[in-house]
PDB file of N, CA and C in Angstrom:
ATOM      1  N   UNK A   1     139.328 227.345  63.973  1.00  0.00           N
ATOM      2  CA  UNK A   1     140.290 227.923  63.069  1.00  0.00           C
ATOM      3  C   UNK A   1     140.562 229.375  63.469  1.00  0.00           C
ATOM      4  N   UNK A   2     141.819 229.759  63.423  1.00  0.00           N
ATOM      5  CA  UNK A   2     142.236 231.095  63.845  1.00  0.00           C
ATOM      6  C   UNK A   2     141.714 232.174  62.888  1.00  0.00           C
ATOM      7  N   UNK A   3     141.275 233.268  63.458  1.00  0.00           N
ATOM      8  CA  UNK A   3     140.757 234.394  62.684  1.00  0.00           C
ATOM      9  C   UNK A   3     141.902 235.228  62.098  1.00  0.00           C
ATOM     10  N   UNK A   4     143.007 235.342  62.845  1.00  0.00           N
ATOM     11  CA  UNK A   4     144.144 236.148  62.418  1.00  0.00           C
ATOM     12  C   UNK A   4     145.347 235.253  62.140  1.00  0.00           C
ATOM     13  N   UNK A   5     146.238 235.721  61.254  1.00  0.00           N
ATOM     14  CA  UNK A   5     147.414 234.961  60.859  1.00  0.00           C
ATOM     15  C   UNK A   5     148.676 235.616  61.404  1.00  0.00           C
ATOM     16  N   UNK A   6     149.754 234.827  61.439  1.00  0.00           N
ATOM     17  CA  UNK A   6     151.046 235.375  61.826  1.00  0.00           C
ATOM     18  C   UNK A   6     151.375 236.567  60.940  1.00  0.00           C
ATOM     19  N   UNK A   7     151.882 237.621  61.551  1.00  0.00           N
ATOM     20  CA  UNK A   7     152.268 238.806  60.810  1.00  0.00           C
ATOM     21  C   UNK A   7     151.150 239.793  60.556  1.00  0.00           C
ATOM     22  N   UNK A   8     149.911 239.406  60.844  1.00  0.00           N
ATOM     23  CA  UNK A   8     148.779 240.304  60.624  1.00  0.00           C
ATOM     24  C   UNK A   8     148.781 241.410  61.675  1.00  0.00           C
ATOM     25  N   UNK A   9     148.325 242.584  61.266  1.00  0.00           N
ATOM     26  CA  UNK A   9     148.237 243.722  62.172  1.00  0.00           C
ATOM     27  C   UNK A   9     146.848 243.745  62.796  1.00  0.00           C
ATOM     28  N   UNK A  10     146.811 243.812  64.133  1.00  0.00           N
ATOM     29  CA  UNK A  10     145.551 243.819  64.881  1.00  0.00           C
ATOM     30  C   UNK A  10     145.556 244.977  65.873  1.00  0.00           C
ATOM     31  N   UNK A  11     144.385 245.224  66.421  1.00  0.00           N
ATOM     32  CA  UNK A  11     144.231 246.264  67.432  1.00  0.00           C
ATOM     33  C   UNK A  11     143.158 245.812  68.407  1.00  0.00           C
ATOM     34  N   UNK A  12     143.300 246.202  69.653  1.00  0.00           N
ATOM     35  CA  UNK A  12     142.248 245.900  70.617  1.00  0.00           C
ATOM     36  C   UNK A  12     140.962 246.583  70.184  1.00  0.00           C
ATOM     37  N   UNK A  13     139.857 245.927  70.375  1.00  0.00           N
ATOM     38  CA  UNK A  13     138.555 246.520  70.029  1.00  0.00           C
ATOM     39  C   UNK A  13     138.321 247.813  70.798  1.00  0.00           C
ATOM     40  N   UNK A  14     138.911 247.908  71.982  1.00  0.00           N
ATOM     41  CA  UNK A  14     138.751 249.108  72.799  1.00  0.00           C
ATOM     42  C   UNK A  14     139.724 250.214  72.409  1.00  0.00           C
ATOM     43  N   UNK A  15     140.587 249.961  71.414  1.00  0.00           N
ATOM     44  CA  UNK A  15     141.544 250.962  70.961  1.00  0.00           C
ATOM     45  C   UNK A  15     142.965 250.591  71.350  1.00  0.00           C
ATOM     46  N   UNK A  16     143.852 251.549  71.233  1.00  0.00           N
ATOM     47  CA  UNK A  16     145.252 251.314  71.566  1.00  0.00           C
ATOM     48  C   UNK A  16     146.101 251.180  70.321  1.00  0.00           C
ATOM     49  N   UNK A  17     147.372 250.813  70.495  1.00  0.00           N
ATOM     50  CA  UNK A  17     148.296 250.755  69.370  1.00  0.00           C
ATOM     51  C   UNK A  17     148.011 249.578  68.446  1.00  0.00           C
ATOM     52  N   UNK A  18     148.469 249.700  67.206  1.00  0.00           N
ATOM     53  CA  UNK A  18     148.420 248.567  66.300  1.00  0.00           C
ATOM     54  C   UNK A  18     149.499 247.576  66.733  1.00  0.00           C
ATOM     55  N   UNK A  19     149.185 246.292  66.660  1.00  0.00           N
ATOM     56  CA  UNK A  19     150.084 245.242  67.118  1.00  0.00           C
ATOM     57  C   UNK A  19     150.235 244.194  66.022  1.00  0.00           C
ATOM     58  N   UNK A  20     151.343 243.487  66.034  1.00  0.00           N
ATOM     59  CA  UNK A  20     151.599 242.427  65.066  1.00  0.00           C
ATOM     60  C   UNK A  20     151.440 241.082  65.748  1.00  0.00           C
ATOM     61  N   UNK A  21     150.698 240.161  65.133  1.00  0.00           N
ATOM     62  CA  UNK A  21     150.537 238.805  65.663  1.00  0.00           C
ATOM     63  C   UNK A  21     151.847 238.049  65.442  1.00  0.00           C
ATOM     64  N   UNK A  22     152.442 237.546  66.547  1.00  0.00           N
ATOM     65  CA  UNK A  22     153.698 236.801  66.434  1.00  0.00           C
ATOM     66  C   UNK A  22     153.537 235.329  66.815  1.00  0.00           C
ATOM     67  N   UNK A  23     152.417 234.961  67.421  1.00  0.00           N
ATOM     68  CA  UNK A  23     152.102 233.565  67.731  1.00  0.00           C
ATOM     69  C   UNK A  23     150.596 233.379  67.750  1.00  0.00           C
ATOM     70  N   UNK A  24     150.141 232.273  67.198  1.00  0.00           N
ATOM     71  CA  UNK A  24     148.739 231.874  67.279  1.00  0.00           C
ATOM     72  C   UNK A  24     148.705 230.645  68.172  1.00  0.00           C
ATOM     73  N   UNK A  25     147.967 230.733  69.264  1.00  0.00           N
ATOM     74  CA  UNK A  25     147.932 229.672  70.262  1.00  0.00           C
ATOM     75  C   UNK A  25     146.527 229.098  70.289  1.00  0.00           C
ATOM     76  N   UNK A  26     146.393 227.829  69.915  1.00  0.00           N
ATOM     77  CA  UNK A  26     145.069 227.215  69.846  1.00  0.00           C
ATOM     78  C   UNK A  26     144.905 226.159  70.940  1.00  0.00           C
ATOM     79  N   UNK A  27     143.715 226.128  71.514  1.00  0.00           N
ATOM     80  CA  UNK A  27     143.388 225.180  72.579  1.00  0.00           C
ATOM     81  C   UNK A  27     143.635 223.743  72.130  1.00  0.00           C
ATOM     82  N   UNK A  28     143.296 223.425  70.897  1.00  0.00           N
ATOM     83  CA  UNK A  28     143.420 222.062  70.384  1.00  0.00           C
ATOM     84  C   UNK A  28     144.871 221.630  70.182  1.00  0.00           C
ATOM     85  N   UNK A  29     145.775 222.595  70.014  1.00  0.00           N
ATOM     86  CA  UNK A  29     147.186 222.273  69.769  1.00  0.00           C
ATOM     87  C   UNK A  29     148.063 223.364  70.390  1.00  0.00           C
ATOM     88  N   UNK A  30     148.183 223.383  71.722  1.00  0.00           N
ATOM     89  CA  UNK A  30     148.883 224.482  72.379  1.00  0.00           C
ATOM     90  C   UNK A  30     150.405 224.442  72.284  1.00  0.00           C
ATOM     91  N   UNK A  31     150.979 223.291  71.937  1.00  0.00           N
ATOM     92  CA  UNK A  31     152.433 223.195  71.841  1.00  0.00           C
ATOM     93  C   UNK A  31     153.102 223.625  73.131  1.00  0.00           C
ATOM     94  N   UNK A  32     154.115 224.463  73.016  1.00  0.00           N
ATOM     95  CA  UNK A  32     154.879 224.913  74.179  1.00  0.00           C
ATOM     96  C   UNK A  32     154.057 225.791  75.134  1.00  0.00           C
ATOM     97  N   UNK A  33     152.874 226.192  74.721  1.00  0.00           N
ATOM     98  CA  UNK A  33     152.009 227.049  75.526  1.00  0.00           C
ATOM     99  C   UNK A  33     151.058 226.253  76.417  1.00  0.00           C
ATOM    100  N   UNK A  34     151.211 224.941  76.499  1.00  0.00           N
ATOM    101  CA  UNK A  34     150.249 224.074  77.196  1.00  0.00           C
ATOM    102  C   UNK A  34     149.938 224.537  78.628  1.00  0.00           C
ATOM    103  N   UNK A  35     150.954 224.845  79.415  1.00  0.00           N
ATOM    104  CA  UNK A  35     150.710 225.251  80.807  1.00  0.00           C
ATOM    105  C   UNK A  35     149.950 226.580  80.872  1.00  0.00           C
ATOM    106  N   UNK A  36     150.270 227.493  79.979  1.00  0.00           N
ATOM    107  CA  UNK A  36     149.544 228.766  79.939  1.00  0.00           C
ATOM    108  C   UNK A  36     148.086 228.543  79.550  1.00  0.00           C
ATOM    109  N   UNK A  37     147.872 227.717  78.533  1.00  0.00           N
ATOM    110  CA  UNK A  37     146.518 227.454  78.056  1.00  0.00           C
ATOM    111  C   UNK A  37     145.672 226.837  79.169  1.00  0.00           C
ATOM    112  N   UNK A  38     146.225 225.921  79.931  1.00  0.00           N
ATOM    113  CA  UNK A  38     145.479 225.326  81.043  1.00  0.00           C
ATOM    114  C   UNK A  38     145.064 226.395  82.044  1.00  0.00           C
ATOM    115  N   UNK A  39     145.951 227.316  82.337  1.00  0.00           N
ATOM    116  CA  UNK A  39     145.632 228.396  83.278  1.00  0.00           C
ATOM    117  C   UNK A  39     144.587 229.334  82.670  1.00  0.00           C
ATOM    118  N   UNK A  40     144.764 229.697  81.391  1.00  0.00           N
ATOM    119  CA  UNK A  40     143.820 230.604  80.743  1.00  0.00           C
ATOM    120  C   UNK A  40     142.439 229.980  80.636  1.00  0.00           C
ATOM    121  N   UNK A  41     142.373 228.672  80.384  1.00  0.00           N
ATOM    122  CA  UNK A  41     141.079 227.989  80.289  1.00  0.00           C
ATOM    123  C   UNK A  41     140.342 227.992  81.616  1.00  0.00           C
ATOM    124  N   UNK A  42     141.081 227.974  82.714  1.00  0.00           N
ATOM    125  CA  UNK A  42     140.442 228.046  84.022  1.00  0.00           C
ATOM    126  C   UNK A  42     139.715 229.386  84.180  1.00  0.00           C
ATOM    127  N   UNK A  43     140.250 230.430  83.559  1.00  0.00           N
ATOM    128  CA  UNK A  43     139.631 231.758  83.632  1.00  0.00           C
ATOM    129  C   UNK A  43     138.453 231.895  82.676  1.00  0.00           C
ATOM    130  N   UNK A  44     138.565 231.264  81.488  1.00  0.00           N
ATOM    131  CA  UNK A  44     137.512 231.387  80.487  1.00  0.00           C
ATOM    132  C   UNK A  44     137.503 230.143  79.603  1.00  0.00           C
ATOM    133  N   UNK A  45     136.764 229.116  79.992  1.00  0.00           N
ATOM    134  CA  UNK A  45     136.792 227.843  79.265  1.00  0.00           C
ATOM    135  C   UNK A  45     136.227 227.894  77.844  1.00  0.00           C
ATOM    136  N   UNK A  46     135.542 228.954  77.464  1.00  0.00           N
ATOM    137  CA  UNK A  46     134.961 229.034  76.122  1.00  0.00           C
ATOM    138  C   UNK A  46     135.958 229.507  75.059  1.00  0.00           C
ATOM    139  N   UNK A  47     137.100 230.027  75.477  1.00  0.00           N
ATOM    140  CA  UNK A  47     138.074 230.564  74.520  1.00  0.00           C
ATOM    141  C   UNK A  47     138.783 229.427  73.801  1.00  0.00           C
ATOM    142  N   UNK A  48     138.907 229.544  72.487  1.00  0.00           N
ATOM    143  CA  UNK A  48     139.560 228.533  71.652  1.00  0.00           C
ATOM    144  C   UNK A  48     140.937 228.971  71.154  1.00  0.00           C
ATOM    145  N   UNK A  49     141.126 230.303  70.984  1.00  0.00           N
ATOM    146  CA  UNK A  49     142.344 230.810  70.361  1.00  0.00           C
ATOM    147  C   UNK A  49     142.838 232.062  71.076  1.00  0.00           C
ATOM    148  N   UNK A  50     144.154 232.125  71.258  1.00  0.00           N
ATOM    149  CA  UNK A  50     144.832 233.283  71.824  1.00  0.00           C
ATOM    150  C   UNK A  50     145.889 233.743  70.833  1.00  0.00           C
ATOM    151  N   UNK A  51     146.256 235.022  70.928  1.00  0.00           N
ATOM    152  CA  UNK A  51     147.262 235.585  70.032  1.00  0.00           C
ATOM    153  C   UNK A  51     148.313 236.318  70.846  1.00  0.00           C
ATOM    154  N   UNK A  52     149.572 235.945  70.633  1.00  0.00           N
ATOM    155  CA  UNK A  52     150.655 236.728  71.212  1.00  0.00           C
ATOM    156  C   UNK A  52     150.963 237.828  70.207  1.00  0.00           C
ATOM    157  N   UNK A  53     151.003 239.056  70.701  1.00  0.00           N
ATOM    158  CA  UNK A  53     151.232 240.207  69.837  1.00  0.00           C
ATOM    159  C   UNK A  53     152.441 240.982  70.333  1.00  0.00           C
ATOM    160  N   UNK A  54     152.994 241.798  69.444  1.00  0.00           N
ATOM    161  CA  UNK A  54     154.053 242.706  69.855  1.00  0.00           C
ATOM    162  C   UNK A  54     153.856 244.054  69.186  1.00  0.00           C
ATOM    163  N   UNK A  55     154.370 245.103  69.837  1.00  0.00           N
ATOM    164  CA  UNK A  55     154.273 246.458  69.339  1.00  0.00           C
ATOM    165  C   UNK A  55     155.334 247.287  70.046  1.00  0.00           C
ATOM    166  N   UNK A  56     155.593 248.451  69.513  1.00  0.00           N
ATOM    167  CA  UNK A  56     156.543 249.360  70.142  1.00  0.00           C
ATOM    168  C   UNK A  56     155.804 250.449  70.897  1.00  0.00           C
ATOM    169  N   UNK A  57     156.295 250.727  72.077  1.00  0.00           N
ATOM    170  CA  UNK A  57     155.847 251.867  72.880  1.00  0.00           C
ATOM    171  C   UNK A  57     157.075 252.750  73.008  1.00  0.00           C
ATOM    172  N   UNK A  58     157.178 253.739  72.131  1.00  0.00           N
ATOM    173  CA  UNK A  58     158.418 254.503  72.019  1.00  0.00           C
ATOM    174  C   UNK A  58     159.487 253.585  71.446  1.00  0.00           C
ATOM    175  N   UNK A  59     160.602 253.439  72.144  1.00  0.00           N
ATOM    176  CA  UNK A  59     161.678 252.547  71.697  1.00  0.00           C
ATOM    177  C   UNK A  59     161.601 251.183  72.375  1.00  0.00           C
ATOM    178  N   UNK A  60     160.575 250.964  73.208  1.00  0.00           N
ATOM    179  CA  UNK A  60     160.451 249.723  73.972  1.00  0.00           C
ATOM    180  C   UNK A  60     159.520 248.740  73.279  1.00  0.00           C
ATOM    181  N   UNK A  61     160.017 247.528  73.044  1.00  0.00           N
ATOM    182  CA  UNK A  61     159.203 246.471  72.449  1.00  0.00           C
ATOM    183  C   UNK A  61     158.340 245.834  73.535  1.00  0.00           C
ATOM    184  N   UNK A  62     157.046 245.782  73.319  1.00  0.00           N
ATOM    185  CA  UNK A  62     156.097 245.188  74.266  1.00  0.00           C
ATOM    186  C   UNK A  62     155.510 243.932  73.652  1.00  0.00           C
ATOM    187  N   UNK A  63     155.152 242.957  74.501  1.00  0.00           N
ATOM    188  CA  UNK A  63     154.497 241.720  74.058  1.00  0.00           C
ATOM    189  C   UNK A  63     153.377 241.394  75.035  1.00  0.00           C
ATOM    190  N   UNK A  64     152.283 240.850  74.496  1.00  0.00           N
ATOM    191  CA  UNK A  64     151.163 240.430  75.339  1.00  0.00           C
ATOM    192  C   UNK A  64     150.320 239.415  74.588  1.00  0.00           C
ATOM    193  N   UNK A  65     149.557 238.635  75.336  1.00  0.00           N
ATOM    194  CA  UNK A  65     148.658 237.635  74.766  1.00  0.00           C
ATOM    195  C   UNK A  65     147.224 238.094  74.982  1.00  0.00           C
ATOM    196  N   UNK A  66     146.413 238.013  73.903  1.00  0.00           N
ATOM    197  CA  UNK A  66     145.016 238.426  73.959  1.00  0.00           C
ATOM    198  C   UNK A  66     144.126 237.333  73.380  1.00  0.00           C
ATOM    199  N   UNK A  67     142.877 237.283  73.855  1.00  0.00           N
ATOM    200  CA  UNK A  67     141.909 236.360  73.266  1.00  0.00           C
ATOM    201  C   UNK A  67     141.395 236.947  71.957  1.00  0.00           C
ATOM    202  N   UNK A  68     140.914 236.064  71.095  1.00  0.00           N
ATOM    203  CA  UNK A  68     140.446 236.472  69.775  1.00  0.00           C
ATOM    204  C   UNK A  68     139.346 237.529  69.838  1.00  0.00           C
ATOM    205  N   UNK A  69     138.415 237.380  70.758  1.00  0.00           N
ATOM    206  CA  UNK A  69     137.276 238.304  70.851  1.00  0.00           C
ATOM    207  C   UNK A  69     137.670 239.722  71.222  1.00  0.00           C
ATOM    208  N   UNK A  70     138.884 239.915  71.745  1.00  0.00           N
ATOM    209  CA  UNK A  70     139.337 241.248  72.140  1.00  0.00           C
ATOM    210  C   UNK A  70     139.978 242.012  70.989  1.00  0.00           C
ATOM    211  N   UNK A  71     140.191 241.337  69.847  1.00  0.00           N
ATOM    212  CA  UNK A  71     140.954 241.931  68.753  1.00  0.00           C
ATOM    213  C   UNK A  71     140.120 242.141  67.488  1.00  0.00           C
ATOM    214  N   UNK A  72     140.504 243.159  66.735  1.00  0.00           N
ATOM    215  CA  UNK A  72     139.987 243.425  65.395  1.00  0.00           C
ATOM    216  C   UNK A  72     141.177 243.563  64.463  1.00  0.00           C
ATOM    217  N   UNK A  73     140.971 243.304  63.199  1.00  0.00           N
ATOM    218  CA  UNK A  73     142.015 243.528  62.206  1.00  0.00           C
ATOM    219  C   UNK A  73     142.257 245.028  62.068  1.00  0.00           C
ATOM    220  N   UNK A  74     143.530 245.407  61.980  1.00  0.00           N
ATOM    221  CA  UNK A  74     143.872 246.811  61.788  1.00  0.00           C
ATOM    222  C   UNK A  74     144.311 247.060  60.352  1.00  0.00           C
ATOM    223  N   UNK A  75     144.284 246.025  59.528  1.00  0.00           N
ATOM    224  CA  UNK A  75     144.734 246.146  58.154  1.00  0.00           C
ATOM    225  C   UNK A  75     143.616 246.690  57.280  1.00  0.00           C
ATOM    226  N   UNK A  76     144.008 247.447  56.284  1.00  0.00           N
ATOM    227  CA  UNK A  76     143.042 247.997  55.334  1.00  0.00           C
ATOM    228  C   UNK A  76     142.481 246.869  54.490  1.00  0.00           C
ATOM    229  N   UNK A  77     141.201 246.882  54.260  1.00  0.00           N
ATOM    230  CA  UNK A  77     140.573 245.850  53.437  1.00  0.00           C
ATOM    231  C   UNK A  77     140.334 246.351  52.040  1.00  0.00           C
TER     232      UNK A  77
END
């Protein structure tokens, strides 16, 4: 089960900008991400969930995919 939800604000554990989760990609149900998941699993077969995130760097919209273990919630609890 995914730790983060769509729209949740996250941050890399090592720091960096706050990012918004825009896709939750699960090994058990990769959907359109199937080819990516197969490649990512070759690199780290223990990973179950990936998150596509987006954020702004100045006026430029950036997007990237991260594994769950690399992220922490950036939302106030």
